[in-house]
């Protein structure tokens, strides 16, 4: 069975080219099981909780990005520009630790940036 993940915009539409790639010829029948995925807010909350527990309270996730097999949330650090890693979540919203930036990797990325910038006044 193939799994297809699609955004819901004006309904659920499976393009004919995608259906054919999945082995569904025009005029054929398919059975579709619909399972809602976590909302962006739920994903950010899960990532924020993980970051606070494992990476420190100055670390926060950016917006979730669909990667084809789950979600990637870039990691940002208070008083720093840019991203310094990522939290990867499964399609159900569970943290995939082996593909998520560790505390050590985060510190190395911050060290590579140079000295801490002065906090905004």
C-alpha atoms as a PDB file:
ATOM      1  CA  UNK A   1       0.000   0.000   0.000  1.00  0.00           C
ATOM      2  CA  UNK A   2       1.283   3.448  -0.875  1.00  0.00           C
ATOM      3  CA  UNK A   3       1.001   6.377   1.506  1.00  0.00           C
ATOM      4  CA  UNK A   4       0.282   9.758  -0.009  1.00  0.00           C
ATOM      5  CA  UNK A   5       0.477  12.946   2.046  1.00  0.00           C
ATOM      6  CA  UNK A   6      -1.325  15.971   0.628  1.00  0.00           C
ATOM      7  CA  UNK A   7      -2.217  19.445   1.887  1.00  0.00           C
ATOM      8  CA  UNK A   8      -5.920  20.180   2.198  1.00  0.00           C
ATOM      9  CA  UNK A   9      -6.679  23.381   0.335  1.00  0.00           C
ATOM     10  CA  UNK A  10     -10.037  23.441  -1.458  1.00  0.00           C
ATOM     11  CA  UNK A  11     -10.613  19.788  -0.666  1.00  0.00           C
ATOM     12  CA  UNK A  12      -8.476  16.720  -1.239  1.00  0.00           C
ATOM     13  CA  UNK A  13      -7.339  16.342  -4.830  1.00  0.00           C
ATOM     14  CA  UNK A  14      -5.016  13.641  -6.131  1.00  0.00           C
ATOM     15  CA  UNK A  15      -3.501  14.781  -9.423  1.00  0.00           C
ATOM     16  CA  UNK A  16      -3.959  12.234 -12.230  1.00  0.00           C
ATOM     17  CA  UNK A  17      -0.185  12.057 -12.770  1.00  0.00           C
ATOM     18  CA  UNK A  18       0.294  11.103  -9.102  1.00  0.00           C
ATOM     19  CA  UNK A  19      -2.519   8.522  -9.282  1.00  0.00           C
ATOM     20  CA  UNK A  20      -0.892   6.905 -12.306  1.00  0.00           C
ATOM     21  CA  UNK A  21       2.505   6.787 -10.541  1.00  0.00           C
ATOM     22  CA  UNK A  22       0.756   4.947  -7.694  1.00  0.00           C
ATOM     23  CA  UNK A  23      -0.634   2.394 -10.142  1.00  0.00           C
ATOM     24  CA  UNK A  24      -4.161   3.782 -10.324  1.00  0.00           C
ATOM     25  CA  UNK A  25      -5.213   4.024 -13.987  1.00  0.00           C
ATOM     26  CA  UNK A  26      -7.896   6.515 -15.073  1.00  0.00           C
ATOM     27  CA  UNK A  27     -11.343   5.026 -14.490  1.00  0.00           C
ATOM     28  CA  UNK A  28     -10.018   2.626 -11.820  1.00  0.00           C
ATOM     29  CA  UNK A  29     -11.071   2.501  -8.200  1.00  0.00           C
ATOM     30  CA  UNK A  30      -9.013   3.099  -5.071  1.00  0.00           C
ATOM     31  CA  UNK A  31      -9.637   2.884  -1.370  1.00  0.00           C
ATOM     32  CA  UNK A  32      -8.472   5.903   0.589  1.00  0.00           C
ATOM     33  CA  UNK A  33      -7.989   6.014   4.348  1.00  0.00           C
ATOM     34  CA  UNK A  34      -7.948   9.579   5.653  1.00  0.00           C
ATOM     35  CA  UNK A  35      -6.018  10.398   8.814  1.00  0.00           C
ATOM     36  CA  UNK A  36      -5.500  14.034   9.814  1.00  0.00           C
ATOM     37  CA  UNK A  37      -1.929  14.976  10.671  1.00  0.00           C
ATOM     38  CA  UNK A  38      -0.936  17.281  13.554  1.00  0.00           C
ATOM     39  CA  UNK A  39      -1.526  21.000  13.042  1.00  0.00           C
ATOM     40  CA  UNK A  40       1.426  23.409  12.742  1.00  0.00           C
ATOM     41  CA  UNK A  41       0.659  24.640  16.274  1.00  0.00           C
ATOM     42  CA  UNK A  42       0.726  21.082  17.683  1.00  0.00           C
ATOM     43  CA  UNK A  43       4.034  20.423  15.894  1.00  0.00           C
ATOM     44  CA  UNK A  44       5.608  23.651  17.198  1.00  0.00           C
ATOM     45  CA  UNK A  45       4.420  22.894  20.751  1.00  0.00           C
ATOM     46  CA  UNK A  46       5.897  19.381  20.615  1.00  0.00           C
ATOM     47  CA  UNK A  47       9.201  20.752  19.257  1.00  0.00           C
ATOM     48  CA  UNK A  48       9.270  23.609  21.789  1.00  0.00           C
ATOM     49  CA  UNK A  49       8.751  21.190  24.669  1.00  0.00           C
ATOM     50  CA  UNK A  50      11.559  18.965  23.366  1.00  0.00           C
ATOM     51  CA  UNK A  51      13.904  21.951  22.843  1.00  0.00           C
ATOM     52  CA  UNK A  52      13.256  23.323  26.340  1.00  0.00           C
ATOM     53  CA  UNK A  53      13.914  19.920  27.969  1.00  0.00           C
ATOM     54  CA  UNK A  54      16.890  18.840  25.875  1.00  0.00           C
ATOM     55  CA  UNK A  55      18.525  21.918  24.342  1.00  0.00           C
ATOM     56  CA  UNK A  56      17.912  24.852  26.686  1.00  0.00           C
ATOM     57  CA  UNK A  57      15.351  27.582  27.200  1.00  0.00           C
ATOM     58  CA  UNK A  58      16.945  29.987  24.684  1.00  0.00           C
ATOM     59  CA  UNK A  59      16.263  27.548  21.815  1.00  0.00           C
ATOM     60  CA  UNK A  60      12.983  27.656  19.894  1.00  0.00           C
ATOM     61  CA  UNK A  61      11.671  26.031  16.705  1.00  0.00           C
ATOM     62  CA  UNK A  62      10.746  27.775  13.476  1.00  0.00           C
ATOM     63  CA  UNK A  63       7.803  26.866  11.248  1.00  0.00           C
ATOM     64  CA  UNK A  64       7.292  23.174  10.395  1.00  0.00           C
ATOM     65  CA  UNK A  65       8.274  22.126   6.862  1.00  0.00           C
ATOM     66  CA  UNK A  66       6.965  18.889   5.323  1.00  0.00           C
ATOM     67  CA  UNK A  67       9.885  16.682   4.174  1.00  0.00           C
ATOM     68  CA  UNK A  68       8.038  13.804   2.520  1.00  0.00           C
ATOM     69  CA  UNK A  69       8.253  11.474   5.528  1.00  0.00           C
ATOM     70  CA  UNK A  70       7.782  13.868   8.433  1.00  0.00           C
ATOM     71  CA  UNK A  71       8.313  17.435   9.581  1.00  0.00           C
ATOM     72  CA  UNK A  72      11.471  19.520   9.934  1.00  0.00           C
ATOM     73  CA  UNK A  73      11.505  22.513  12.259  1.00  0.00           C
ATOM     74  CA  UNK A  74      14.621  24.706  12.082  1.00  0.00           C
ATOM     75  CA  UNK A  75      16.159  25.610  15.434  1.00  0.00           C
ATOM     76  CA  UNK A  76      16.725  29.235  16.317  1.00  0.00           C
ATOM     77  CA  UNK A  77      18.475  30.680  19.361  1.00  0.00           C
ATOM     78  CA  UNK A  78      17.470  33.850  21.183  1.00  0.00           C
ATOM     79  CA  UNK A  79      19.816  36.808  20.417  1.00  0.00           C
ATOM     80  CA  UNK A  80      21.289  35.015  17.369  1.00  0.00           C
ATOM     81  CA  UNK A  81      20.479  35.284  13.678  1.00  0.00           C
ATOM     82  CA  UNK A  82      19.945  32.202  11.547  1.00  0.00           C
ATOM     83  CA  UNK A  83      19.304  28.563  12.313  1.00  0.00           C
ATOM     84  CA  UNK A  84      21.538  26.232  14.300  1.00  0.00           C
ATOM     85  CA  UNK A  85      20.030  22.819  13.732  1.00  0.00           C
ATOM     86  CA  UNK A  86      16.693  21.108  13.404  1.00  0.00           C
ATOM     87  CA  UNK A  87      14.099  19.043  15.176  1.00  0.00           C
ATOM     88  CA  UNK A  88      12.646  16.272  13.047  1.00  0.00           C
ATOM     89  CA  UNK A  89       9.189  14.947  13.811  1.00  0.00           C
ATOM     90  CA  UNK A  90       7.488  11.875  12.357  1.00  0.00           C
ATOM     91  CA  UNK A  91       4.342  12.350  10.301  1.00  0.00           C
ATOM     92  CA  UNK A  92       2.412  11.744  13.560  1.00  0.00           C
ATOM     93  CA  UNK A  93       4.409  14.461  15.366  1.00  0.00           C
ATOM     94  CA  UNK A  94       6.817  12.347  17.438  1.00  0.00           C
ATOM     95  CA  UNK A  95      10.437  13.534  17.801  1.00  0.00           C
ATOM     96  CA  UNK A  96      12.894  11.474  15.723  1.00  0.00           C
ATOM     97  CA  UNK A  97      15.887  11.847  18.049  1.00  0.00           C
ATOM     98  CA  UNK A  98      18.479  10.195  15.797  1.00  0.00           C
ATOM     99  CA  UNK A  99      17.781  12.810  13.106  1.00  0.00           C
ATOM    100  CA  UNK A 100      17.394  15.776  15.492  1.00  0.00           C
ATOM    101  CA  UNK A 101      20.218  18.155  16.428  1.00  0.00           C
ATOM    102  CA  UNK A 102      21.798  17.219  19.757  1.00  0.00           C
ATOM    103  CA  UNK A 103      22.894  19.673  22.455  1.00  0.00           C
ATOM    104  CA  UNK A 104      26.531  19.040  21.468  1.00  0.00           C
ATOM    105  CA  UNK A 105      25.818  19.779  17.777  1.00  0.00           C
ATOM    106  CA  UNK A 106      23.919  22.923  18.758  1.00  0.00           C
ATOM    107  CA  UNK A 107      26.833  24.187  20.888  1.00  0.00           C
ATOM    108  CA  UNK A 108      29.266  23.452  18.037  1.00  0.00           C
ATOM    109  CA  UNK A 109      27.086  25.402  15.586  1.00  0.00           C
ATOM    110  CA  UNK A 110      26.913  28.360  17.983  1.00  0.00           C
ATOM    111  CA  UNK A 111      30.691  28.237  18.577  1.00  0.00           C
ATOM    112  CA  UNK A 112      31.266  28.285  14.816  1.00  0.00           C
ATOM    113  CA  UNK A 113      29.219  31.505  14.603  1.00  0.00           C
ATOM    114  CA  UNK A 114      31.681  33.352  16.823  1.00  0.00           C
ATOM    115  CA  UNK A 115      31.219  35.398  20.008  1.00  0.00           C
ATOM    116  CA  UNK A 116      27.744  35.981  21.378  1.00  0.00           C
ATOM    117  CA  UNK A 117      26.170  39.174  20.029  1.00  0.00           C
ATOM    118  CA  UNK A 118      25.137  41.818  22.538  1.00  0.00           C
ATOM    119  CA  UNK A 119      21.499  41.376  23.599  1.00  0.00           C
ATOM    120  CA  UNK A 120      19.019  43.851  22.135  1.00  0.00           C
ATOM    121  CA  UNK A 121      18.254  46.784  24.446  1.00  0.00           C
END
